[in-house]
Amino acid sequence: RCLSDWSSDVCSSDLITYDANGVRMLYRAKRYNEATQLAKQIILHRGIENSQQEILLLAKGNYVKGNLIEAQYWIAKFNSDETEKMELEEQIKNRMRMLLAS
């Protein structure tokens, strides 16, 4: 299955050549929707256990886009206690508190 909204199609058979670096490049270019879509496709193709960096990037991308619930969902799937994960969890909680208070 191909990602249809890309300028050049990316098919699931090609995802083996893509990794977190490709997702990072899209995020840096502020192409959040494409980065999120690519990360999800990689996770579906490789599985949760083999896609940990993509999962963390997906959580970050959803946080940046303001999708806090989805960001929380993906950060819970990240199987590590890395500082980066803990910082993002705290940022999500703080933003949710601010939204609930307003």
Protein backbone atom coordinates (compact mmCIF):
# COMPACT_ATOMS: atom_id res chain seq x y z
CA ARG A 1 0.00 0.00 0.00
CA CYS A 2 1.37 3.41 -0.93
CA LEU A 3 1.20 6.73 0.85
CA SER A 4 -0.91 8.70 -1.59
CA ASP A 5 -0.34 12.29 -0.48
CA TRP A 6 3.41 12.30 -1.11
CA SER A 7 5.01 13.92 -4.10
CA SER A 8 6.62 10.56 -4.83
CA ASP A 9 4.78 7.50 -3.63
CA VAL A 10 6.25 5.45 -0.80
CA CYS A 11 5.01 1.87 -0.70
CA SER A 12 5.09 -0.48 2.26
CA SER A 13 7.59 -2.68 0.43
CA ASP A 14 9.97 0.30 0.40
CA LEU A 15 9.65 0.99 4.12
CA ILE A 16 12.53 -1.34 4.90
CA THR A 17 14.84 1.41 3.60
CA TYR A 18 13.19 4.09 5.75
CA ASP A 19 13.84 4.57 9.43
CA ALA A 20 13.66 7.15 12.18
CA ASN A 21 16.07 9.38 10.24
CA GLY A 22 13.53 9.81 7.45
CA VAL A 23 10.83 10.65 9.98
CA ARG A 24 13.19 13.13 11.71
CA MET A 25 13.93 14.86 8.40
CA LEU A 26 10.21 15.34 7.75
CA TYR A 27 9.66 16.75 11.26
CA ARG A 28 12.58 19.17 10.84
CA ALA A 29 11.00 20.34 7.60
CA LYS A 30 7.73 20.88 9.56
CA ARG A 31 6.00 18.30 7.40
CA TYR A 32 4.26 16.86 10.46
CA ASN A 33 1.40 15.06 8.73
CA GLU A 34 3.77 13.24 6.38
CA ALA A 35 6.17 12.42 9.21
CA THR A 36 3.34 11.03 11.32
CA GLN A 37 2.02 8.96 8.42
CA LEU A 38 5.47 7.56 7.62
CA ALA A 39 6.14 6.71 11.28
CA LYS A 40 2.81 4.85 11.52
CA GLN A 41 3.54 2.91 8.33
CA ILE A 42 6.98 1.91 9.61
CA ILE A 43 5.51 0.77 12.93
CA LEU A 44 2.85 -1.28 11.12
CA HIS A 45 5.48 -2.81 8.87
CA ARG A 46 8.14 -3.55 11.51
CA GLY A 47 6.04 -3.99 14.64
CA ILE A 48 6.11 -2.15 17.96
CA GLU A 49 9.25 -3.81 19.32
CA ASN A 50 11.32 -2.95 16.25
CA SER A 51 10.13 0.64 15.88
CA GLN A 52 10.93 2.29 19.19
CA GLN A 53 12.56 5.44 17.76
CA GLU A 54 9.68 5.91 15.32
CA ILE A 55 7.23 5.57 18.23
CA LEU A 56 9.03 8.28 20.20
CA LEU A 57 9.05 10.54 17.14
CA LEU A 58 5.35 9.86 16.59
CA ALA A 59 4.61 10.89 20.17
CA LYS A 60 6.66 14.07 19.72
CA GLY A 61 4.97 14.90 16.42
CA ASN A 62 1.52 14.53 17.91
CA TYR A 63 2.57 16.71 20.84
CA VAL A 64 3.80 19.43 18.47
CA LYS A 65 0.56 19.23 16.49
CA GLY A 66 -1.45 19.54 19.73
CA ASN A 67 -2.81 15.97 19.62
CA LEU A 68 -2.10 15.34 23.29
CA ILE A 69 -4.19 12.21 23.73
CA GLU A 70 -2.54 10.53 20.75
CA ALA A 71 0.87 11.71 21.99
CA GLN A 72 0.15 10.05 25.34
CA TYR A 73 -0.94 6.86 23.59
CA TRP A 74 2.32 6.61 21.64
CA ILE A 75 4.58 7.58 24.54
CA ALA A 76 3.01 4.71 26.52
CA LYS A 77 4.09 2.34 23.72
CA PHE A 78 7.72 3.48 24.01
CA ASN A 79 9.47 0.74 26.01
CA SER A 80 12.25 2.74 27.58
CA ASP A 81 12.92 4.99 30.51
CA GLU A 82 15.03 7.38 28.47
CA THR A 83 15.24 10.95 29.71
CA GLU A 84 13.72 12.09 26.41
CA LYS A 85 10.60 10.01 27.09
CA MET A 86 10.23 11.28 30.64
CA GLU A 87 10.63 14.91 29.53
CA LEU A 88 7.99 14.49 26.84
CA GLU A 89 5.59 12.82 29.28
CA GLU A 90 6.00 15.77 31.64
CA GLN A 91 5.44 18.29 28.82
CA ILE A 92 2.26 16.47 27.77
CA LYS A 93 0.94 16.42 31.35
CA ASN A 94 1.72 20.12 31.84
CA ARG A 95 0.02 21.12 28.60
CA MET A 96 -3.05 19.03 29.46
CA ARG A 97 -3.22 20.67 32.91
CA MET A 98 -3.08 24.12 31.29
CA LEU A 99 -5.84 23.21 28.84
CA LEU A 100 -8.06 21.82 31.59
CA ALA A 101 -7.51 24.91 33.75
CA SER A 102 -8.57 27.31 31.01
